[in-house]
Amino acid sequence: MPLTIRSATTADMPAITAIYNESGVGTTASYDLAPVSVAERLEWFEAKQRHQFPVFVAEYVAGDADPHGTAPQVVGFASYGAFRDKAGYAFTVEHSVYVTADRRAGGVGRMLMSALIDAARGRGVHVMVGAIDANNEASIKFHEQLGFTVAGRLDEVGRKFGHWLDVVFMTLTFEDSRID
């Protein structure tokens, strides 16, 4: 089945919620401690729309050659939003990308991030930030491969699963961004 990256819709919220609860809440990819509901994800999505922040999904779509007639399946999502709620940070965003466990390391995250980076460039973003658990070596390496660099580390700022967690901030600077 071919993989498609497209803008998310409200119909995608159950899949996005399930992915976030498994890939984010169920791991240290996010420091949320409790699962979120579809209603909460819908509020999140509507806030992204109000602020004109993109939300993309990766969807496998059954092709003509699919003998099973498999329904489309959302296997990942990515978005960005405000880095901080201060006017001086208007050209800086913080991103998130989540992929189902069975599709990680298969190119889905890279395709989602490519769409997100293209959207950021097109909207005049100057810096994209990622906050990554310091023990998530795969995510740090993934971001380095996309051109992100380590900007700093904050030790023991999070707590989850009975442990203090360190976070690494990584940034991607768009040198060609312009301020009108």
Protein backbone atom coordinates (compact mmCIF):
# COMPACT_ATOMS: atom_id res chain seq x y z
CA MET A 1 0.00 0.00 0.00
CA PRO A 2 1.39 3.43 -0.87
CA LEU A 3 2.05 5.94 1.90
CA THR A 4 0.47 9.39 1.59
CA ILE A 5 1.19 12.50 3.65
CA ARG A 6 -1.79 14.81 3.90
CA SER A 7 -3.32 17.45 6.13
CA ALA A 8 -5.22 15.98 9.05
CA THR A 9 -8.98 16.31 9.43
CA THR A 10 -11.28 15.90 12.41
CA ALA A 11 -11.97 12.37 11.19
CA ASP A 12 -8.32 11.53 11.97
CA MET A 13 -8.61 12.39 15.68
CA PRO A 14 -9.32 8.83 16.89
CA ALA A 15 -6.22 7.54 15.08
CA ILE A 16 -4.08 10.49 16.22
CA THR A 17 -5.27 9.94 19.79
CA ALA A 18 -4.40 6.25 19.70
CA ILE A 19 -0.96 6.95 18.22
CA TYR A 20 -0.24 9.67 20.79
CA ASN A 21 -1.34 7.52 23.71
CA GLU A 22 0.84 4.62 22.55
CA SER A 23 3.84 6.50 21.18
CA GLY A 24 3.81 9.53 23.45
CA VAL A 25 2.10 8.76 26.72
CA GLY A 26 3.26 5.13 26.71
CA THR A 27 6.92 6.14 26.31
CA THR A 28 9.16 9.05 27.23
CA ALA A 29 8.65 10.64 23.81
CA SER A 30 6.19 12.90 25.65
CA TYR A 31 6.16 13.74 29.32
CA ASP A 32 2.37 13.50 29.47
CA LEU A 33 1.50 11.04 32.22
CA ALA A 34 -2.08 10.08 31.40
CA PRO A 35 -3.78 9.08 28.15
CA VAL A 36 -5.66 11.81 26.32
CA SER A 37 -9.20 11.48 25.03
CA VAL A 38 -10.41 12.00 21.48
CA ALA A 39 -12.24 15.12 22.74
CA GLU A 40 -8.95 16.50 24.11
CA ARG A 41 -7.17 15.77 20.85
CA LEU A 42 -9.99 17.47 18.97
CA GLU A 43 -9.50 20.60 21.11
CA TRP A 44 -5.76 20.41 20.39
CA PHE A 45 -6.47 20.10 16.66
CA GLU A 46 -8.92 23.00 16.64
CA ALA A 47 -6.36 25.19 18.44
CA LYS A 48 -3.75 24.28 15.79
CA GLN A 49 -6.25 25.25 13.08
CA ARG A 50 -7.11 28.57 14.76
CA HIS A 51 -3.43 29.49 14.84
CA GLN A 52 -2.85 28.15 11.31
CA PHE A 53 -0.33 25.54 12.47
CA PRO A 54 -0.13 22.44 10.27
CA VAL A 55 -1.06 18.93 11.34
CA PHE A 56 -0.07 16.19 8.91
CA VAL A 57 -0.88 12.50 8.95
CA ALA A 58 0.85 9.60 7.26
CA GLU A 59 -1.71 7.25 5.79
CA TYR A 60 -1.35 3.95 4.03
CA VAL A 61 -3.94 3.81 1.27
CA ALA A 62 -5.02 0.62 -0.43
CA GLY A 63 -4.14 0.60 -4.09
CA ASP A 64 -5.81 -1.06 -7.03
CA ALA A 65 -3.50 -4.03 -6.56
CA ASP A 66 -4.63 -4.60 -2.96
CA PRO A 67 -6.64 -7.83 -3.09
CA HIS A 68 -7.92 -7.36 0.46
CA GLY A 69 -9.49 -3.95 -0.08
CA THR A 70 -7.75 -2.70 3.08
CA ALA A 71 -9.12 0.58 4.45
CA PRO A 72 -6.73 3.54 4.72
CA GLN A 73 -4.72 3.47 7.94
CA VAL A 74 -3.17 6.49 9.69
CA VAL A 75 0.24 5.38 11.00
CA GLY A 76 1.75 8.68 12.15
CA PHE A 77 1.25 12.40 12.59
CA ALA A 78 3.33 15.53 12.93
CA SER A 79 2.65 19.12 13.85
CA TYR A 80 4.24 22.25 15.18
CA GLY A 81 3.05 25.09 17.33
CA ALA A 82 4.26 28.12 19.20
CA PHE A 83 7.58 27.67 20.99
CA ARG A 84 6.72 30.16 23.72
CA ASP A 85 3.80 32.52 24.24
CA LYS A 86 5.80 35.73 23.75
CA ALA A 87 5.76 37.95 20.66
CA GLY A 88 9.54 37.79 20.33
CA TYR A 89 9.32 34.05 19.63
CA ALA A 90 6.88 34.48 16.74
CA PHE A 91 9.31 32.99 14.21
CA THR A 92 10.22 29.94 16.31
CA VAL A 93 8.09 26.79 16.51
CA GLU A 94 8.28 23.54 18.45
CA HIS A 95 7.41 20.35 16.61
CA SER A 96 6.19 16.85 17.42
CA VAL A 97 6.22 13.70 15.34
CA TYR A 98 4.73 10.35 16.38
CA VAL A 99 4.64 7.07 14.45
CA THR A 100 3.03 3.75 15.36
CA ALA A 101 5.47 1.25 16.86
CA ASP A 102 5.21 -1.11 13.88
CA ARG A 103 6.13 1.64 11.40
CA ARG A 104 9.08 3.29 13.19
CA ALA A 105 12.41 3.35 11.35
CA GLY A 106 10.62 2.69 8.07
CA GLY A 107 10.67 6.21 6.61
CA VAL A 108 7.27 7.39 7.87
CA GLY A 109 8.76 9.87 10.34
CA ARG A 110 11.12 11.25 7.71
CA MET A 111 8.26 11.82 5.28
CA LEU A 112 6.19 13.55 7.96
CA MET A 113 9.12 15.74 8.99
CA SER A 114 9.85 16.65 5.36
CA ALA A 115 6.28 17.90 4.99
CA LEU A 116 6.51 19.77 8.29
CA ILE A 117 9.85 21.38 7.40
CA ASP A 118 8.53 22.42 3.98
CA ALA A 119 5.46 23.97 5.65
CA ALA A 120 7.65 25.84 8.13
CA ARG A 121 9.87 27.21 5.38
CA GLY A 122 6.82 28.32 3.41
CA ARG A 123 5.43 30.18 6.42
CA GLY A 124 8.58 32.13 7.28
CA VAL A 125 9.64 30.12 10.32
CA HIS A 126 13.22 30.87 11.32
CA VAL A 127 13.88 28.08 13.87
CA MET A 128 12.18 24.75 14.51
CA VAL A 129 12.76 23.26 17.97
CA GLY A 130 12.47 19.66 19.10
CA ALA A 131 12.41 18.68 22.77
CA ILE A 132 13.63 15.08 22.98
CA ASP A 133 14.15 12.76 25.92
CA ALA A 134 17.93 12.55 26.36
CA ASN A 135 17.83 8.73 26.43
CA ASN A 136 16.00 8.55 23.08
CA GLU A 137 19.15 8.07 21.01
CA ALA A 138 17.17 7.00 17.94
CA SER A 139 15.19 10.26 17.91
CA ILE A 140 18.31 12.36 18.48
CA LYS A 141 20.07 10.60 15.58
CA PHE A 142 16.94 10.92 13.41
CA HIS A 143 16.84 14.68 14.03
CA GLU A 144 20.57 15.03 13.35
CA GLN A 145 20.03 13.32 9.99
CA LEU A 146 17.41 15.98 9.21
CA GLY A 147 19.90 18.77 9.96
CA PHE A 148 18.93 19.53 13.57
CA THR A 149 21.72 20.30 16.03
CA VAL A 150 21.81 19.98 19.80
CA ALA A 151 21.18 23.41 21.31
CA GLY A 152 21.14 22.38 24.98
CA ARG A 153 20.27 19.87 27.63
CA LEU A 154 18.20 20.28 30.77
CA ASP A 155 18.86 17.65 33.42
CA GLU A 156 16.11 16.11 35.55
CA VAL A 157 13.37 18.49 34.41
CA GLY A 158 10.79 15.76 33.86
CA ARG A 159 9.58 12.79 35.83
CA LYS A 160 7.87 9.73 34.40
CA PHE A 161 7.77 6.01 35.13
CA GLY A 162 9.41 6.70 38.51
CA HIS A 163 12.53 8.31 37.04
CA TRP A 164 13.91 11.82 36.58
CA LEU A 165 14.24 12.61 32.88
CA ASP A 166 16.60 14.86 30.98
CA VAL A 167 15.52 16.70 27.85
CA VAL A 168 17.67 17.67 24.87
CA PHE A 169 16.66 20.68 22.81
CA MET A 170 17.51 20.38 19.12
CA THR A 171 17.08 23.13 16.56
CA LEU A 172 16.88 23.48 12.81
CA THR A 173 17.55 27.00 11.56
CA PHE A 174 16.19 28.11 8.21
CA GLU A 175 18.86 30.50 7.00
CA ASP A 176 16.69 31.60 4.08
CA SER A 177 13.77 32.75 6.26
CA ARG A 178 12.71 36.33 5.68
CA ILE A 179 10.89 38.77 7.86
CA ASP A 180 8.53 41.02 5.96
